[in-house]
């Protein structure tokens, strides 16, 4: 079998290089995107309040029902 010259590129090589360039471009674009600090702070503020406020609003019976349903899903799969 004749040895192939390393300087010749095949169509497969060109496709692989194009794909690689595209992936690199996408990761560079993702690095450039920054989140708005004000929006992050606002979302975090609501998130910190949410669970506690919900727990206060729910009755003990309803909290127990929710916990039991979660446990069933966790241990018995999708049913």
PDB file of N, CA and C in Angstrom:
ATOM      1  N   UNK A   1       0.844  -1.165   0.000  1.00  0.00           N
ATOM      2  CA  UNK A   1       0.000   0.000   0.000  1.00  0.00           C
ATOM      3  C   UNK A   1       0.899   1.242   0.000  1.00  0.00           C
ATOM      4  N   UNK A   2       0.646   2.167  -0.918  1.00  0.00           N
ATOM      5  CA  UNK A   2       1.498   3.352  -0.982  1.00  0.00           C
ATOM      6  C   UNK A   2       1.240   4.282   0.206  1.00  0.00           C
ATOM      7  N   UNK A   3       2.274   4.932   0.660  1.00  0.00           N
ATOM      8  CA  UNK A   3       2.135   5.870   1.763  1.00  0.00           C
ATOM      9  C   UNK A   3       1.547   7.170   1.244  1.00  0.00           C
ATOM     10  N   UNK A   4       0.677   7.733   2.034  1.00  0.00           N
ATOM     11  CA  UNK A   4       0.033   8.975   1.641  1.00  0.00           C
ATOM     12  C   UNK A   4       0.864  10.149   2.132  1.00  0.00           C
ATOM     13  N   UNK A   5       0.977  11.146   1.307  1.00  0.00           N
ATOM     14  CA  UNK A   5       1.727  12.332   1.689  1.00  0.00           C
ATOM     15  C   UNK A   5       0.935  13.109   2.743  1.00  0.00           C
ATOM     16  N   UNK A   6       1.615  13.583   3.768  1.00  0.00           N
ATOM     17  CA  UNK A   6       0.932  14.301   4.840  1.00  0.00           C
ATOM     18  C   UNK A   6       0.529  15.713   4.412  1.00  0.00           C
ATOM     19  N   UNK A   7       1.053  16.194   3.304  1.00  0.00           N
ATOM     20  CA  UNK A   7       0.737  17.553   2.877  1.00  0.00           C
ATOM     21  C   UNK A   7      -0.591  17.626   2.126  1.00  0.00           C
ATOM     22  N   UNK A   8      -1.103  16.491   1.642  1.00  0.00           N
ATOM     23  CA  UNK A   8      -2.375  16.499   0.919  1.00  0.00           C
ATOM     24  C   UNK A   8      -3.526  16.386   1.895  1.00  0.00           C
ATOM     25  N   UNK A   9      -4.523  17.229   1.722  1.00  0.00           N
ATOM     26  CA  UNK A   9      -5.709  17.172   2.567  1.00  0.00           C
ATOM     27  C   UNK A   9      -6.850  16.556   1.789  1.00  0.00           C
ATOM     28  N   UNK A  10      -7.563  15.682   2.440  1.00  0.00           N
ATOM     29  CA  UNK A  10      -8.719  15.065   1.804  1.00  0.00           C
ATOM     30  C   UNK A  10      -9.968  15.844   2.200  1.00  0.00           C
ATOM     31  N   UNK A  11     -11.068  15.487   1.592  1.00  0.00           N
ATOM     32  CA  UNK A  11     -12.339  16.120   1.917  1.00  0.00           C
ATOM     33  C   UNK A  11     -12.689  15.878   3.382  1.00  0.00           C
ATOM     34  N   UNK A  12     -12.400  14.683   3.859  1.00  0.00           N
ATOM     35  CA  UNK A  12     -12.674  14.349   5.266  1.00  0.00           C
ATOM     36  C   UNK A  12     -11.876  15.262   6.202  1.00  0.00           C
ATOM     37  N   UNK A  13     -10.617  15.533   5.849  1.00  0.00           N
ATOM     38  CA  UNK A  13      -9.781  16.424   6.653  1.00  0.00           C
ATOM     39  C   UNK A  13     -10.354  17.838   6.658  1.00  0.00           C
ATOM     40  N   UNK A  14     -10.815  18.296   5.507  1.00  0.00           N
ATOM     41  CA  UNK A  14     -11.378  19.645   5.400  1.00  0.00           C
ATOM     42  C   UNK A  14     -12.640  19.772   6.255  1.00  0.00           C
ATOM     43  N   UNK A  15     -13.481  18.743   6.229  1.00  0.00           N
ATOM     44  CA  UNK A  15     -14.710  18.760   7.029  1.00  0.00           C
ATOM     45  C   UNK A  15     -14.373  18.776   8.518  1.00  0.00           C
ATOM     46  N   UNK A  16     -13.394  17.978   8.904  1.00  0.00           N
ATOM     47  CA  UNK A  16     -12.990  17.931  10.305  1.00  0.00           C
ATOM     48  C   UNK A  16     -12.434  19.281  10.762  1.00  0.00           C
ATOM     49  N   UNK A  17     -11.630  19.908   9.915  1.00  0.00           N
ATOM     50  CA  UNK A  17     -11.074  21.215  10.259  1.00  0.00           C
ATOM     51  C   UNK A  17     -12.172  22.271  10.364  1.00  0.00           C
ATOM     52  N   UNK A  18     -13.120  22.239   9.443  1.00  0.00           N
ATOM     53  CA  UNK A  18     -14.219  23.201   9.476  1.00  0.00           C
ATOM     54  C   UNK A  18     -15.047  23.032  10.739  1.00  0.00           C
ATOM     55  N   UNK A  19     -15.305  21.794  11.116  1.00  0.00           N
ATOM     56  CA  UNK A  19     -16.064  21.516  12.332  1.00  0.00           C
ATOM     57  C   UNK A  19     -15.307  22.013  13.558  1.00  0.00           C
ATOM     58  N   UNK A  20     -14.022  21.772  13.590  1.00  0.00           N
ATOM     59  CA  UNK A  20     -13.196  22.213  14.699  1.00  0.00           C
ATOM     60  C   UNK A  20     -13.206  23.732  14.813  1.00  0.00           C
ATOM     61  N   UNK A  21     -13.067  24.418  13.693  1.00  0.00           N
ATOM     62  CA  UNK A  21     -13.109  25.882  13.694  1.00  0.00           C
ATOM     63  C   UNK A  21     -14.438  26.398  14.215  1.00  0.00           C
ATOM     64  N   UNK A  22     -15.521  25.747  13.823  1.00  0.00           N
ATOM     65  CA  UNK A  22     -16.854  26.157  14.264  1.00  0.00           C
ATOM     66  C   UNK A  22     -16.997  25.987  15.781  1.00  0.00           C
ATOM     67  N   UNK A  23     -16.529  24.879  16.308  1.00  0.00           N
ATOM     68  CA  UNK A  23     -16.610  24.639  17.749  1.00  0.00           C
ATOM     69  C   UNK A  23     -15.796  25.678  18.505  1.00  0.00           C
ATOM     70  N   UNK A  24     -14.611  25.986  18.010  1.00  0.00           N
ATOM     71  CA  UNK A  24     -13.760  26.989  18.650  1.00  0.00           C
ATOM     72  C   UNK A  24     -14.449  28.345  18.644  1.00  0.00           C
ATOM     73  N   UNK A  25     -15.061  28.704  17.518  1.00  0.00           N
ATOM     74  CA  UNK A  25     -15.773  29.978  17.396  1.00  0.00           C
ATOM     75  C   UNK A  25     -16.923  30.054  18.406  1.00  0.00           C
ATOM     76  N   UNK A  26     -17.674  28.963  18.551  1.00  0.00           N
ATOM     77  CA  UNK A  26     -18.799  28.944  19.486  1.00  0.00           C
ATOM     78  C   UNK A  26     -18.332  29.117  20.926  1.00  0.00           C
ATOM     79  N   UNK A  27     -17.259  28.441  21.301  1.00  0.00           N
ATOM     80  CA  UNK A  27     -16.774  28.560  22.682  1.00  0.00           C
ATOM     81  C   UNK A  27     -16.247  29.962  22.951  1.00  0.00           C
ATOM     82  N   UNK A  28     -15.628  30.593  21.955  1.00  0.00           N
ATOM     83  CA  UNK A  28     -15.147  31.970  22.124  1.00  0.00           C
ATOM     84  C   UNK A  28     -16.320  32.918  22.303  1.00  0.00           C
ATOM     85  N   UNK A  29     -17.407  32.706  21.540  1.00  0.00           N
ATOM     86  CA  UNK A  29     -18.597  33.549  21.678  1.00  0.00           C
ATOM     87  C   UNK A  29     -19.224  33.388  23.050  1.00  0.00           C
ATOM     88  N   UNK A  30     -19.253  32.170  23.568  1.00  0.00           N
ATOM     89  CA  UNK A  30     -19.829  31.929  24.887  1.00  0.00           C
ATOM     90  C   UNK A  30     -18.999  32.606  25.974  1.00  0.00           C
ATOM     91  N   UNK A  31     -17.695  32.647  25.801  1.00  0.00           N
ATOM     92  CA  UNK A  31     -16.838  33.303  26.786  1.00  0.00           C
ATOM     93  C   UNK A  31     -17.092  34.804  26.808  1.00  0.00           C
ATOM     94  N   UNK A  32     -17.406  35.381  25.641  1.00  0.00           N
ATOM     95  CA  UNK A  32     -17.624  36.819  25.552  1.00  0.00           C
ATOM     96  C   UNK A  32     -18.944  37.244  26.191  1.00  0.00           C
ATOM     97  N   UNK A  33     -19.953  36.357  26.177  1.00  0.00           N
ATOM     98  CA  UNK A  33     -21.251  36.704  26.750  1.00  0.00           C
ATOM     99  C   UNK A  33     -21.144  36.810  28.257  1.00  0.00           C
ATOM    100  N   UNK A  34     -21.600  37.916  28.773  1.00  0.00           N
ATOM    101  CA  UNK A  34     -21.587  38.126  30.222  1.00  0.00           C
ATOM    102  C   UNK A  34     -23.023  38.357  30.675  1.00  0.00           C
ATOM    103  N   UNK A  35     -23.316  37.944  31.892  1.00  0.00           N
ATOM    104  CA  UNK A  35     -24.638  38.169  32.450  1.00  0.00           C
ATOM    105  C   UNK A  35     -24.702  39.567  33.057  1.00  0.00           C
ATOM    106  N   UNK A  36     -25.904  40.118  33.027  1.00  0.00           N
ATOM    107  CA  UNK A  36     -26.125  41.417  33.618  1.00  0.00           C
ATOM    108  C   UNK A  36     -26.109  41.262  35.145  1.00  0.00           C
ATOM    109  N   UNK A  37     -25.168  41.903  35.844  1.00  0.00           N
ATOM    110  CA  UNK A  37     -25.059  41.727  37.300  1.00  0.00           C
ATOM    111  C   UNK A  37     -26.340  42.133  38.045  1.00  0.00           C
ATOM    112  N   UNK A  38     -27.033  43.144  37.553  1.00  0.00           N
ATOM    113  CA  UNK A  38     -28.266  43.579  38.220  1.00  0.00           C
ATOM    114  C   UNK A  38     -29.337  42.499  38.113  1.00  0.00           C
ATOM    115  N   UNK A  39     -29.444  41.873  36.944  1.00  0.00           N
ATOM    116  CA  UNK A  39     -30.429  40.813  36.752  1.00  0.00           C
ATOM    117  C   UNK A  39     -30.083  39.594  37.600  1.00  0.00           C
ATOM    118  N   UNK A  40     -28.815  39.282  37.710  1.00  0.00           N
ATOM    119  CA  UNK A  40     -28.372  38.152  38.528  1.00  0.00           C
ATOM    120  C   UNK A  40     -28.731  38.398  39.990  1.00  0.00           C
ATOM    121  N   UNK A  41     -28.472  39.613  40.470  1.00  0.00           N
ATOM    122  CA  UNK A  41     -28.771  39.946  41.862  1.00  0.00           C
ATOM    123  C   UNK A  41     -30.269  39.883  42.128  1.00  0.00           C
ATOM    124  N   UNK A  42     -31.060  40.383  41.191  1.00  0.00           N
ATOM    125  CA  UNK A  42     -32.511  40.373  41.361  1.00  0.00           C
ATOM    126  C   UNK A  42     -33.048  38.943  41.391  1.00  0.00           C
ATOM    127  N   UNK A  43     -32.564  38.102  40.518  1.00  0.00           N
ATOM    128  CA  UNK A  43     -32.994  36.708  40.491  1.00  0.00           C
ATOM    129  C   UNK A  43     -32.595  35.965  41.755  1.00  0.00           C
ATOM    130  N   UNK A  44     -31.413  36.248  42.230  1.00  0.00           N
ATOM    131  CA  UNK A  44     -30.943  35.601  43.457  1.00  0.00           C
ATOM    132  C   UNK A  44     -31.782  36.054  44.650  1.00  0.00           C
ATOM    133  N   UNK A  45     -32.137  37.330  44.673  1.00  0.00           N
ATOM    134  CA  UNK A  45     -32.935  37.858  45.773  1.00  0.00           C
ATOM    135  C   UNK A  45     -34.270  37.135  45.864  1.00  0.00           C
ATOM    136  N   UNK A  46     -34.938  36.967  44.734  1.00  0.00           N
ATOM    137  CA  UNK A  46     -36.211  36.248  44.718  1.00  0.00           C
ATOM    138  C   UNK A  46     -36.032  34.794  45.075  1.00  0.00           C
ATOM    139  N   UNK A  47     -34.961  34.191  44.613  1.00  0.00           N
ATOM    140  CA  UNK A  47     -34.695  32.786  44.887  1.00  0.00           C
ATOM    141  C   UNK A  47     -34.441  32.520  46.364  1.00  0.00           C
ATOM    142  N   UNK A  48     -33.793  33.454  47.020  1.00  0.00           N
ATOM    143  CA  UNK A  48     -33.511  33.285  48.445  1.00  0.00           C
ATOM    144  C   UNK A  48     -34.787  33.364  49.278  1.00  0.00           C
ATOM    145  N   UNK A  49     -35.735  34.168  48.836  1.00  0.00           N
ATOM    146  CA  UNK A  49     -36.987  34.330  49.580  1.00  0.00           C
ATOM    147  C   UNK A  49     -37.981  33.216  49.288  1.00  0.00           C
ATOM    148  N   UNK A  50     -37.941  32.687  48.088  1.00  0.00           N
ATOM    149  CA  UNK A  50     -38.981  31.797  47.588  1.00  0.00           C
ATOM    150  C   UNK A  50     -39.316  30.593  48.435  1.00  0.00           C
ATOM    151  N   UNK A  51     -38.351  29.773  48.774  1.00  0.00           N
ATOM    152  CA  UNK A  51     -38.615  28.539  49.510  1.00  0.00           C
ATOM    153  C   UNK A  51     -39.174  28.784  50.898  1.00  0.00           C
ATOM    154  N   UNK A  52     -38.602  29.758  51.589  1.00  0.00           N
ATOM    155  CA  UNK A  52     -39.067  30.056  52.944  1.00  0.00           C
ATOM    156  C   UNK A  52     -40.481  30.629  52.920  1.00  0.00           C
ATOM    157  N   UNK A  53     -40.734  31.528  51.979  1.00  0.00           N
ATOM    158  CA  UNK A  53     -42.061  32.133  51.881  1.00  0.00           C
ATOM    159  C   UNK A  53     -43.103  31.076  51.545  1.00  0.00           C
ATOM    160  N   UNK A  54     -42.765  30.142  50.687  1.00  0.00           N
ATOM    161  CA  UNK A  54     -43.704  29.089  50.319  1.00  0.00           C
ATOM    162  C   UNK A  54     -43.982  28.180  51.514  1.00  0.00           C
ATOM    163  N   UNK A  55     -42.952  27.860  52.261  1.00  0.00           N
ATOM    164  CA  UNK A  55     -43.124  26.990  53.428  1.00  0.00           C
ATOM    165  C   UNK A  55     -44.032  27.645  54.472  1.00  0.00           C
ATOM    166  N   UNK A  56     -43.900  28.935  54.667  1.00  0.00           N
ATOM    167  CA  UNK A  56     -44.742  29.646  55.628  1.00  0.00           C
ATOM    168  C   UNK A  56     -46.191  29.659  55.160  1.00  0.00           C
ATOM    169  N   UNK A  57     -46.398  29.807  53.839  1.00  0.00           N
ATOM    170  CA  UNK A  57     -47.748  29.911  53.291  1.00  0.00           C
ATOM    171  C   UNK A  57     -48.481  28.568  53.298  1.00  0.00           C
ATOM    172  N   UNK A  58     -47.758  27.463  53.243  1.00  0.00           N
ATOM    173  CA  UNK A  58     -48.398  26.145  53.187  1.00  0.00           C
ATOM    174  C   UNK A  58     -48.766  25.640  54.574  1.00  0.00           C
ATOM    175  N   UNK A  59     -49.835  24.878  54.628  1.00  0.00           N
ATOM    176  CA  UNK A  59     -50.211  24.250  55.893  1.00  0.00           C
ATOM    177  C   UNK A  59     -49.301  23.040  56.118  1.00  0.00           C
ATOM    178  N   UNK A  60     -49.266  22.567  57.327  1.00  0.00           N
ATOM    179  CA  UNK A  60     -48.438  21.408  57.659  1.00  0.00           C
ATOM    180  C   UNK A  60     -48.899  20.187  56.866  1.00  0.00           C
ATOM    181  N   UNK A  61     -50.215  20.034  56.715  1.00  0.00           N
ATOM    182  CA  UNK A  61     -50.758  18.893  55.970  1.00  0.00           C
ATOM    183  C   UNK A  61     -50.308  18.929  54.506  1.00  0.00           C
ATOM    184  N   UNK A  62     -50.380  20.116  53.895  1.00  0.00           N
ATOM    185  CA  UNK A  62     -49.997  20.249  52.482  1.00  0.00           C
ATOM    186  C   UNK A  62     -48.493  20.018  52.302  1.00  0.00           C
ATOM    187  N   UNK A  63     -47.678  20.541  53.217  1.00  0.00           N
ATOM    188  CA  UNK A  63     -46.225  20.304  53.149  1.00  0.00           C
ATOM    189  C   UNK A  63     -45.925  18.818  53.224  1.00  0.00           C
ATOM    190  N   UNK A  64     -46.643  18.113  54.082  1.00  0.00           N
ATOM    191  CA  UNK A  64     -46.441  16.673  54.223  1.00  0.00           C
ATOM    192  C   UNK A  64     -46.818  15.943  52.934  1.00  0.00           C
ATOM    193  N   UNK A  65     -47.934  16.341  52.311  1.00  0.00           N
ATOM    194  CA  UNK A  65     -48.349  15.728  51.038  1.00  0.00           C
ATOM    195  C   UNK A  65     -47.291  15.925  49.961  1.00  0.00           C
ATOM    196  N   UNK A  66     -46.764  17.132  49.885  1.00  0.00           N
ATOM    197  CA  UNK A  66     -45.734  17.439  48.881  1.00  0.00           C
ATOM    198  C   UNK A  66     -44.480  16.600  49.137  1.00  0.00           C
ATOM    199  N   UNK A  67     -44.081  16.492  50.398  1.00  0.00           N
ATOM    200  CA  UNK A  67     -42.889  15.716  50.751  1.00  0.00           C
ATOM    201  C   UNK A  67     -43.081  14.241  50.429  1.00  0.00           C
ATOM    202  N   UNK A  68     -44.276  13.711  50.704  1.00  0.00           N
ATOM    203  CA  UNK A  68     -44.546  12.304  50.415  1.00  0.00           C
ATOM    204  C   UNK A  68     -44.534  12.046  48.914  1.00  0.00           C
ATOM    205  N   UNK A  69     -45.116  12.951  48.159  1.00  0.00           N
ATOM    206  CA  UNK A  69     -45.128  12.807  46.697  1.00  0.00           C
ATOM    207  C   UNK A  69     -43.695  12.815  46.154  1.00  0.00           C
ATOM    208  N   UNK A  70     -42.863  13.711  46.686  1.00  0.00           N
ATOM    209  CA  UNK A  70     -41.465  13.788  46.250  1.00  0.00           C
ATOM    210  C   UNK A  70     -40.719  12.501  46.579  1.00  0.00           C
ATOM    211  N   UNK A  71     -40.966  11.965  47.766  1.00  0.00           N
ATOM    212  CA  UNK A  71     -40.298  10.732  48.168  1.00  0.00           C
ATOM    213  C   UNK A  71     -40.725   9.563  47.284  1.00  0.00           C
ATOM    214  N   UNK A  72     -42.024   9.510  46.960  1.00  0.00           N
ATOM    215  CA  UNK A  72     -42.506   8.449  46.067  1.00  0.00           C
ATOM    216  C   UNK A  72     -41.818   8.534  44.704  1.00  0.00           C
ATOM    217  N   UNK A  73     -41.738   9.730  44.167  1.00  0.00           N
ATOM    218  CA  UNK A  73     -41.084   9.910  42.864  1.00  0.00           C
ATOM    219  C   UNK A  73     -39.611   9.536  42.947  1.00  0.00           C
ATOM    220  N   UNK A  74     -38.976   9.914  44.025  1.00  0.00           N
ATOM    221  CA  UNK A  74     -37.540   9.673  44.174  1.00  0.00           C
ATOM    222  C   UNK A  74     -37.245   8.184  44.266  1.00  0.00           C
ATOM    223  N   UNK A  75     -38.056   7.449  45.004  1.00  0.00           N
ATOM    224  CA  UNK A  75     -37.745   6.048  45.258  1.00  0.00           C
ATOM    225  C   UNK A  75     -38.469   5.050  44.362  1.00  0.00           C
ATOM    226  N   UNK A  76     -39.575   5.469  43.761  1.00  0.00           N
ATOM    227  CA  UNK A  76     -40.340   4.527  42.945  1.00  0.00           C
ATOM    228  C   UNK A  76     -40.378   4.898  41.470  1.00  0.00           C
ATOM    229  N   UNK A  77     -39.601   5.838  41.059  1.00  0.00           N
ATOM    230  CA  UNK A  77     -39.516   6.195  39.644  1.00  0.00           C
ATOM    231  C   UNK A  77     -40.753   6.933  39.156  1.00  0.00           C
ATOM    232  N   UNK A  78     -40.991   6.850  37.864  1.00  0.00           N
ATOM    233  CA  UNK A  78     -42.098   7.583  37.248  1.00  0.00           C
ATOM    234  C   UNK A  78     -43.374   6.773  37.364  1.00  0.00           C
ATOM    235  N   UNK A  79     -44.265   7.234  38.205  1.00  0.00           N
ATOM    236  CA  UNK A  79     -45.556   6.540  38.355  1.00  0.00           C
ATOM    237  C   UNK A  79     -46.639   7.526  38.657  1.00  0.00           C
TER     238      UNK A  79
END
